[in-house]
Structure formats: C-alpha cells, structure tokens
PDB file of N, CA and C in Angstrom:
ATOM      1  N   ARG A   1    -100.248  -7.004 -66.471  1.00  0.00           N
ATOM      2  CA  ARG A   1    -100.898  -7.919 -65.548  1.00  0.00           C
ATOM      3  C   ARG A   1    -100.910  -7.332 -64.141  1.00  0.00           C
ATOM      4  N   ARG A   2     -99.800  -6.742 -63.715  1.00  0.00           N
ATOM      5  CA  ARG A   2     -99.737  -6.160 -62.368  1.00  0.00           C
ATOM      6  C   ARG A   2    -100.689  -4.983 -62.223  1.00  0.00           C
ATOM      7  N   LEU A   3    -100.798  -4.186 -63.258  1.00  0.00           N
ATOM      8  CA  LEU A   3    -101.716  -3.045 -63.210  1.00  0.00           C
ATOM      9  C   LEU A   3    -103.159  -3.519 -63.088  1.00  0.00           C
ATOM     10  N   ALA A   4    -103.512  -4.560 -63.825  1.00  0.00           N
ATOM     11  CA  ALA A   4    -104.870  -5.111 -63.746  1.00  0.00           C
ATOM     12  C   ALA A   4    -105.154  -5.678 -62.357  1.00  0.00           C
ATOM     13  N   GLN A   5    -104.148  -6.223 -61.714  1.00  0.00           N
ATOM     14  CA  GLN A   5    -104.327  -6.751 -60.360  1.00  0.00           C
ATOM     15  C   GLN A   5    -104.467  -5.634 -59.331  1.00  0.00           C
ATOM     16  N   ARG A   6    -103.671  -4.585 -59.505  1.00  0.00           N
ATOM     17  CA  ARG A   6    -103.702  -3.484 -58.545  1.00  0.00           C
ATOM     18  C   ARG A   6    -104.909  -2.578 -58.710  1.00  0.00           C
ATOM     19  N   ARG A   7    -105.301  -2.337 -59.974  1.00  0.00           N
ATOM     20  CA  ARG A   7    -106.405  -1.423 -60.265  1.00  0.00           C
ATOM     21  C   ARG A   7    -107.340  -2.047 -61.284  1.00  0.00           C
ATOM     22  N   PRO A   8    -108.112  -3.057 -60.904  1.00  0.00           N
ATOM     23  CA  PRO A   8    -108.959  -3.758 -61.874  1.00  0.00           C
ATOM     24  C   PRO A   8    -110.015  -2.868 -62.530  1.00  0.00           C
ATOM     25  N   GLU A   9    -110.360  -1.763 -61.901  1.00  0.00           N
ATOM     26  CA  GLU A   9    -111.368  -0.859 -62.470  1.00  0.00           C
ATOM     27  C   GLU A   9    -110.771   0.052 -63.554  1.00  0.00           C
ATOM     28  N   LEU A  10    -109.458   0.079 -63.675  1.00  0.00           N
ATOM     29  CA  LEU A  10    -108.771   0.951 -64.620  1.00  0.00           C
ATOM     30  C   LEU A  10    -108.595   0.246 -65.962  1.00  0.00           C
ATOM     31  N   PRO A  11    -109.248   0.724 -67.024  1.00  0.00           N
ATOM     32  CA  PRO A  11    -109.076   0.081 -68.326  1.00  0.00           C
ATOM     33  C   PRO A  11    -107.696   0.405 -68.904  1.00  0.00           C
ATOM     34  N   VAL A  12    -107.008  -0.612 -69.365  1.00  0.00           N
ATOM     35  CA  VAL A  12    -105.675  -0.450 -69.945  1.00  0.00           C
ATOM     36  C   VAL A  12    -105.768  -0.701 -71.438  1.00  0.00           C
ATOM     37  N   LEU A  13    -105.343   0.278 -72.210  1.00  0.00           N
ATOM     38  CA  LEU A  13    -105.323   0.169 -73.654  1.00  0.00           C
ATOM     39  C   LEU A  13    -103.868   0.092 -74.098  1.00  0.00           C
ATOM     40  N   VAL A  14    -103.520  -0.974 -74.795  1.00  0.00           N
ATOM     41  CA  VAL A  14    -102.151  -1.151 -75.280  1.00  0.00           C
ATOM     42  C   VAL A  14    -102.024  -0.439 -76.625  1.00  0.00           C
ATOM     43  N   PHE A  15    -101.027   0.435 -76.740  1.00  0.00           N
ATOM     44  CA  PHE A  15    -100.747   1.178 -77.967  1.00  0.00           C
ATOM     45  C   PHE A  15     -99.291   0.902 -78.303  1.00  0.00           C
ATOM     46  N   THR A  16     -99.061   0.111 -79.337  1.00  0.00           N
ATOM     47  CA  THR A  16     -97.718  -0.385 -79.596  1.00  0.00           C
ATOM     48  C   THR A  16     -97.453  -0.578 -81.081  1.00  0.00           C
ATOM     49  N   MET A  17     -96.175  -0.721 -81.422  1.00  0.00           N
ATOM     50  CA  MET A  17     -95.812  -1.022 -82.803  1.00  0.00           C
ATOM     51  C   MET A  17     -95.837  -2.525 -83.054  1.00  0.00           C
ATOM     52  N   HIS A  18     -95.921  -3.308 -82.014  1.00  0.00           N
ATOM     53  CA  HIS A  18     -95.918  -4.772 -82.137  1.00  0.00           C
ATOM     54  C   HIS A  18     -97.314  -5.272 -82.508  1.00  0.00           C
ATOM     55  N   ASP A  19     -97.361  -6.218 -83.431  1.00  0.00           N
ATOM     56  CA  ASP A  19     -98.669  -6.733 -83.842  1.00  0.00           C
ATOM     57  C   ASP A  19     -98.684  -8.249 -83.991  1.00  0.00           C
ATOM     58  N   SER A  20     -97.846  -8.924 -83.237  1.00  0.00           N
ATOM     59  CA  SER A  20     -97.855 -10.384 -83.309  1.00  0.00           C
ATOM     60  C   SER A  20     -99.066 -10.931 -82.560  1.00  0.00           C
ATOM     61  N   ALA A  21     -99.581 -12.023 -83.073  1.00  0.00           N
ATOM     62  CA  ALA A  21    -100.744 -12.651 -82.437  1.00  0.00           C
ATOM     63  C   ALA A  21    -100.444 -13.037 -80.997  1.00  0.00           C
ATOM     64  N   ALA A  22     -99.231 -13.481 -80.750  1.00  0.00           N
ATOM     65  CA  ALA A  22     -98.843 -13.881 -79.389  1.00  0.00           C
ATOM     66  C   ALA A  22     -98.872 -12.683 -78.437  1.00  0.00           C
ATOM     67  N   MET A  23     -98.374 -11.555 -78.895  1.00  0.00           N
ATOM     68  CA  MET A  23     -98.363 -10.342 -78.060  1.00  0.00           C
ATOM     69  C   MET A  23     -99.789  -9.880 -77.768  1.00  0.00           C
ATOM     70  N   ILE A  24    -100.625  -9.897 -78.779  1.00  0.00           N
ATOM     71  CA  ILE A  24    -102.018  -9.481 -78.609  1.00  0.00           C
ATOM     72  C   ILE A  24    -102.710 -10.384 -77.594  1.00  0.00           C
ATOM     73  N   GLU A  25    -102.550 -11.687 -77.775  1.00  0.00           N
ATOM     74  CA  GLU A  25    -103.171 -12.660 -76.862  1.00  0.00           C
ATOM     75  C   GLU A  25    -102.675 -12.469 -75.437  1.00  0.00           C
ATOM     76  N   GLN A  26    -101.382 -12.255 -75.284  1.00  0.00           N
ATOM     77  CA  GLN A  26    -100.807 -12.076 -73.948  1.00  0.00           C
ATOM     78  C   GLN A  26    -101.391 -10.833 -73.266  1.00  0.00           C
ATOM     79  N   CYS A  27    -101.486  -9.750 -73.992  1.00  0.00           N
ATOM     80  CA  CYS A  27    -102.014  -8.511 -73.406  1.00  0.00           C
ATOM     81  C   CYS A  27    -103.493  -8.636 -73.049  1.00  0.00           C
ATOM     82  N   LEU A  28    -104.276  -9.196 -73.955  1.00  0.00           N
ATOM     83  CA  LEU A  28    -105.707  -9.347 -73.676  1.00  0.00           C
ATOM     84  C   LEU A  28    -105.946 -10.334 -72.543  1.00  0.00           C
ATOM     85  N   SER A  29    -105.171 -11.399 -72.494  1.00  0.00           N
ATOM     86  CA  SER A  29    -105.295 -12.371 -71.402  1.00  0.00           C
ATOM     87  C   SER A  29    -104.917 -11.763 -70.056  1.00  0.00           C
ATOM     88  N   ALA A  30    -104.002 -10.803 -70.092  1.00  0.00           N
ATOM     89  CA  ALA A  30    -103.559 -10.146 -68.860  1.00  0.00           C
ATOM     90  C   ALA A  30    -104.557  -9.103 -68.372  1.00  0.00           C
ATOM     91  N   GLY A  31    -105.587  -8.841 -69.184  1.00  0.00           N
ATOM     92  CA  GLY A  31    -106.621  -7.916 -68.735  1.00  0.00           C
ATOM     93  C   GLY A  31    -106.698  -6.605 -69.486  1.00  0.00           C
ATOM     94  N   ALA A  32    -105.937  -6.455 -70.564  1.00  0.00           N
ATOM     95  CA  ALA A  32    -106.001  -5.207 -71.331  1.00  0.00           C
ATOM     96  C   ALA A  32    -107.397  -5.030 -71.909  1.00  0.00           C
ATOM     97  N   ALA A  33    -107.855  -3.799 -71.923  1.00  0.00           N
ATOM     98  CA  ALA A  33    -109.174  -3.484 -72.472  1.00  0.00           C
ATOM     99  C   ALA A  33    -109.141  -3.398 -73.983  1.00  0.00           C
ATOM    100  N   GLY A  34    -107.950  -3.276 -74.530  1.00  0.00           N
ATOM    101  CA  GLY A  34    -107.845  -3.191 -75.970  1.00  0.00           C
ATOM    102  C   GLY A  34    -106.408  -3.159 -76.434  1.00  0.00           C
ATOM    103  N   PHE A  35    -106.258  -3.187 -77.757  1.00  0.00           N
ATOM    104  CA  PHE A  35    -104.936  -3.252 -78.365  1.00  0.00           C
ATOM    105  C   PHE A  35    -105.003  -2.494 -79.685  1.00  0.00           C
ATOM    106  N   VAL A  36    -104.175  -1.463 -79.821  1.00  0.00           N
ATOM    107  CA  VAL A  36    -104.146  -0.636 -81.022  1.00  0.00           C
ATOM    108  C   VAL A  36    -102.696  -0.527 -81.483  1.00  0.00           C
ATOM    109  N   THR A  37    -102.479  -0.729 -82.778  1.00  0.00           N
ATOM    110  CA  THR A  37    -101.131  -0.593 -83.310  1.00  0.00           C
ATOM    111  C   THR A  37    -100.861   0.847 -83.721  1.00  0.00           C
ATOM    112  N   LYS A  38     -99.595   1.229 -83.685  1.00  0.00           N
ATOM    113  CA  LYS A  38     -99.209   2.592 -84.018  1.00  0.00           C
ATOM    114  C   LYS A  38     -99.406   2.916 -85.493  1.00  0.00           C
ATOM    115  N   SER A  39     -99.601   1.893 -86.309  1.00  0.00           N
ATOM    116  CA  SER A  39     -99.856   2.145 -87.730  1.00  0.00           C
ATOM    117  C   SER A  39    -101.321   2.540 -87.975  1.00  0.00           C
ATOM    118  N   SER A  40    -102.127   2.505 -86.941  1.00  0.00           N
ATOM    119  CA  SER A  40    -103.548   2.874 -87.060  1.00  0.00           C
ATOM    120  C   SER A  40    -103.708   4.378 -87.216  1.00  0.00           C
ATOM    121  N   ALA A  41    -104.790   4.760 -87.863  1.00  0.00           N
ATOM    122  CA  ALA A  41    -105.110   6.176 -88.013  1.00  0.00           C
ATOM    123  C   ALA A  41    -105.409   6.788 -86.645  1.00  0.00           C
ATOM    124  N   PRO A  42    -105.137   8.075 -86.478  1.00  0.00           N
ATOM    125  CA  PRO A  42    -105.410   8.725 -85.189  1.00  0.00           C
ATOM    126  C   PRO A  42    -106.850   8.545 -84.717  1.00  0.00           C
ATOM    127  N   GLU A  43    -107.796   8.543 -85.656  1.00  0.00           N
ATOM    128  CA  GLU A  43    -109.198   8.372 -85.281  1.00  0.00           C
ATOM    129  C   GLU A  43    -109.456   7.007 -84.643  1.00  0.00           C
ATOM    130  N   VAL A  44    -108.710   6.013 -85.079  1.00  0.00           N
ATOM    131  CA  VAL A  44    -108.856   4.664 -84.514  1.00  0.00           C
ATOM    132  C   VAL A  44    -108.420   4.665 -83.057  1.00  0.00           C
ATOM    133  N   LEU A  45    -107.327   5.350 -82.769  1.00  0.00           N
ATOM    134  CA  LEU A  45    -106.849   5.448 -81.383  1.00  0.00           C
ATOM    135  C   LEU A  45    -107.855   6.181 -80.508  1.00  0.00           C
ATOM    136  N   VAL A  46    -108.374   7.290 -80.990  1.00  0.00           N
ATOM    137  CA  VAL A  46    -109.361   8.062 -80.217  1.00  0.00           C
ATOM    138  C   VAL A  46    -110.593   7.208 -79.943  1.00  0.00           C
ATOM    139  N   ASP A  47    -111.074   6.503 -80.967  1.00  0.00           N
ATOM    140  CA  ASP A  47    -112.231   5.623 -80.789  1.00  0.00           C
ATOM    141  C   ASP A  47    -111.932   4.526 -79.779  1.00  0.00           C
ATOM    142  N   ALA A  48    -110.735   3.961 -79.836  1.00  0.00           N
ATOM    143  CA  ALA A  48    -110.358   2.895 -78.905  1.00  0.00           C
ATOM    144  C   ALA A  48    -110.322   3.397 -77.465  1.00  0.00           C
ATOM    145  N   VAL A  49    -109.823   4.588 -77.263  1.00  0.00           N
ATOM    146  CA  VAL A  49    -109.796   5.172 -75.908  1.00  0.00           C
ATOM    147  C   VAL A  49    -111.220   5.326 -75.390  1.00  0.00           C
ATOM    148  N   ARG A  50    -112.095   5.824 -76.228  1.00  0.00           N
ATOM    149  CA  ARG A  50    -113.491   6.007 -75.812  1.00  0.00           C
ATOM    150  C   ARG A  50    -114.158   4.667 -75.510  1.00  0.00           C
ATOM    151  N   ARG A  51    -113.917   3.678 -76.363  1.00  0.00           N
ATOM    152  CA  ARG A  51    -114.517   2.348 -76.145  1.00  0.00           C
ATOM    153  C   ARG A  51    -114.008   1.719 -74.857  1.00  0.00           C
ATOM    154  N   ALA A  52    -112.708   1.807 -74.628  1.00  0.00           N
ATOM    155  CA  ALA A  52    -112.125   1.246 -73.401  1.00  0.00           C
ATOM    156  C   ALA A  52    -112.699   1.945 -72.169  1.00  0.00           C
ATOM    157  N   ALA A  53    -112.883   3.254 -72.253  1.00  0.00           N
ATOM    158  CA  ALA A  53    -113.451   4.009 -71.130  1.00  0.00           C
ATOM    159  C   ALA A  53    -114.884   3.587 -70.827  1.00  0.00           C
ATOM    160  N   ARG A  54    -115.602   3.121 -71.858  1.00  0.00           N
ATOM    161  CA  ARG A  54    -116.983   2.636 -71.669  1.00  0.00           C
ATOM    162  C   ARG A  54    -117.019   1.182 -71.215  1.00  0.00           C
ATOM    163  N   GLY A  55    -115.862   0.557 -71.089  1.00  0.00           N
ATOM    164  CA  GLY A  55    -115.819  -0.832 -70.652  1.00  0.00           C
ATOM    165  C   GLY A  55    -115.900  -1.830 -71.783  1.00  0.00           C
ATOM    166  N   GLU A  56    -115.759  -1.360 -73.017  1.00  0.00           N
ATOM    167  CA  GLU A  56    -115.807  -2.240 -74.177  1.00  0.00           C
ATOM    168  C   GLU A  56    -114.395  -2.676 -74.566  1.00  0.00           C
ATOM    169  N   THR A  57    -114.303  -3.768 -75.298  1.00  0.00           N
ATOM    170  CA  THR A  57    -113.024  -4.186 -75.846  1.00  0.00           C
ATOM    171  C   THR A  57    -112.754  -3.368 -77.095  1.00  0.00           C
ATOM    172  N   ALA A  58    -111.548  -2.838 -77.213  1.00  0.00           N
ATOM    173  CA  ALA A  58    -111.199  -1.969 -78.328  1.00  0.00           C
ATOM    174  C   ALA A  58    -110.005  -2.534 -79.080  1.00  0.00           C
ATOM    175  N   LEU A  59    -110.224  -2.907 -80.326  1.00  0.00           N
ATOM    176  CA  LEU A  59    -109.153  -3.431 -81.167  1.00  0.00           C
ATOM    177  C   LEU A  59    -109.079  -2.622 -82.449  1.00  0.00           C
ATOM    178  N   SER A  60    -107.868  -2.292 -82.882  1.00  0.00           N
ATOM    179  CA  SER A  60    -107.727  -1.634 -84.174  1.00  0.00           C
ATOM    180  C   SER A  60    -108.090  -2.651 -85.258  1.00  0.00           C
ATOM    181  N   PRO A  61    -108.500  -2.208 -86.433  1.00  0.00           N
ATOM    182  CA  PRO A  61    -108.945  -3.139 -87.482  1.00  0.00           C
ATOM    183  C   PRO A  61    -107.916  -4.222 -87.815  1.00  0.00           C
ATOM    184  N   ASP A  62    -106.637  -3.861 -87.870  1.00  0.00           N
ATOM    185  CA  ASP A  62    -105.619  -4.861 -88.186  1.00  0.00           C
ATOM    186  C   ASP A  62    -105.501  -5.913 -87.092  1.00  0.00           C
ATOM    187  N   VAL A  63    -105.646  -5.485 -85.857  1.00  0.00           N
ATOM    188  CA  VAL A  63    -105.594  -6.420 -84.729  1.00  0.00           C
ATOM    189  C   VAL A  63    -106.840  -7.308 -84.716  1.00  0.00           C
ATOM    190  N   ALA A  64    -107.990  -6.723 -85.009  1.00  0.00           N
ATOM    191  CA  ALA A  64    -109.229  -7.508 -85.052  1.00  0.00           C
ATOM    192  C   ALA A  64    -109.127  -8.623 -86.085  1.00  0.00           C
ATOM    193  N   LEU A  65    -108.503  -8.340 -87.218  1.00  0.00           N
ATOM    194  CA  LEU A  65    -108.314  -9.375 -88.240  1.00  0.00           C
ATOM    195  C   LEU A  65    -107.403 -10.488 -87.747  1.00  0.00           C
ATOM    196  N   LEU A  66    -106.334 -10.138 -87.055  1.00  0.00           N
ATOM    197  CA  LEU A  66    -105.426 -11.156 -86.512  1.00  0.00           C
ATOM    198  C   LEU A  66    -106.132 -12.015 -85.462  1.00  0.00           C
ATOM    199  N   VAL A  67    -106.897 -11.377 -84.601  1.00  0.00           N
ATOM    200  CA  VAL A  67    -107.624 -12.113 -83.565  1.00  0.00           C
ATOM    201  C   VAL A  67    -108.641 -13.059 -84.205  1.00  0.00           C
ATOM    202  N   ALA A  68    -109.359 -12.575 -85.211  1.00  0.00           N
ATOM    203  CA  ALA A  68    -110.350 -13.412 -85.903  1.00  0.00           C
ATOM    204  C   ALA A  68    -109.674 -14.607 -86.571  1.00  0.00           C
ATOM    205  N   ALA A  69    -108.527 -14.376 -87.184  1.00  0.00           N
ATOM    206  CA  ALA A  69    -107.795 -15.469 -87.840  1.00  0.00           C
ATOM    207  C   ALA A  69    -107.337 -16.506 -86.826  1.00  0.00           C
ATOM    208  N   GLN A  70    -106.886 -16.072 -85.663  1.00  0.00           N
ATOM    209  CA  GLN A  70    -106.460 -16.996 -84.619  1.00  0.00           C
ATOM    210  C   GLN A  70    -107.622 -17.780 -84.051  1.00  0.00           C
ATOM    211  N   THR A  71    -108.774 -17.146 -83.960  1.00  0.00           N
ATOM    212  CA  THR A  71    -109.965 -17.796 -83.423  1.00  0.00           C
ATOM    213  C   THR A  71    -110.443 -18.910 -84.335  1.00  0.00           C
ATOM    214  N   GLN A  72    -110.264 -18.724 -85.646  1.00  0.00           N
ATOM    215  CA  GLN A  72    -110.723 -19.712 -86.617  1.00  0.00           C
ATOM    216  C   GLN A  72    -109.796 -20.911 -86.741  1.00  0.00           C
ATOM    217  N   GLN A  73    -108.605 -20.807 -86.183  1.00  0.00           N
ATOM    218  CA  GLN A  73    -107.646 -21.917 -86.312  1.00  0.00           C
ATOM    219  C   GLN A  73    -107.911 -23.002 -85.323  1.00  0.00           C
TER     220      GLN A  73
END
C-alpha cells in the first residue's frame, strides 16, 4: 500500500507462496498490478511481469480461479 502511494506509476506484482483469498484481495485492493503464486510455471511469471508492465492486471491461473470463486459468492 505504501509503495502504491509513493509511486503510483510503478506496477507492483506480488510473487508469493501464499494463495489465500484474503491475501489476494488485500494485495489487489492495496493497488497491486497482479498476483502470482510460486507454484506457477516460470512462463506464467514472465507473462505476468509483461502484463503488469503494460498496465494490465496479471493473475496466475490458480489465483484467477480463486478470485472468480469469490466474485460468485
């Protein structure tokens, strides 16, 4: 959150072993450009970095499924 406040033009991509819906929501709400879990294939991380650099939201497939499930509730 502090990084997003100090440098709003800087896309922040979260790369973590944590995959709880609460953690994902907290990071995205704080301004993260994306969220990728460490269990993702290397190509997924590279794609996410490129997407975040273009200003797009970047989620690894497992995270996208969790977000979709939370949205439907």
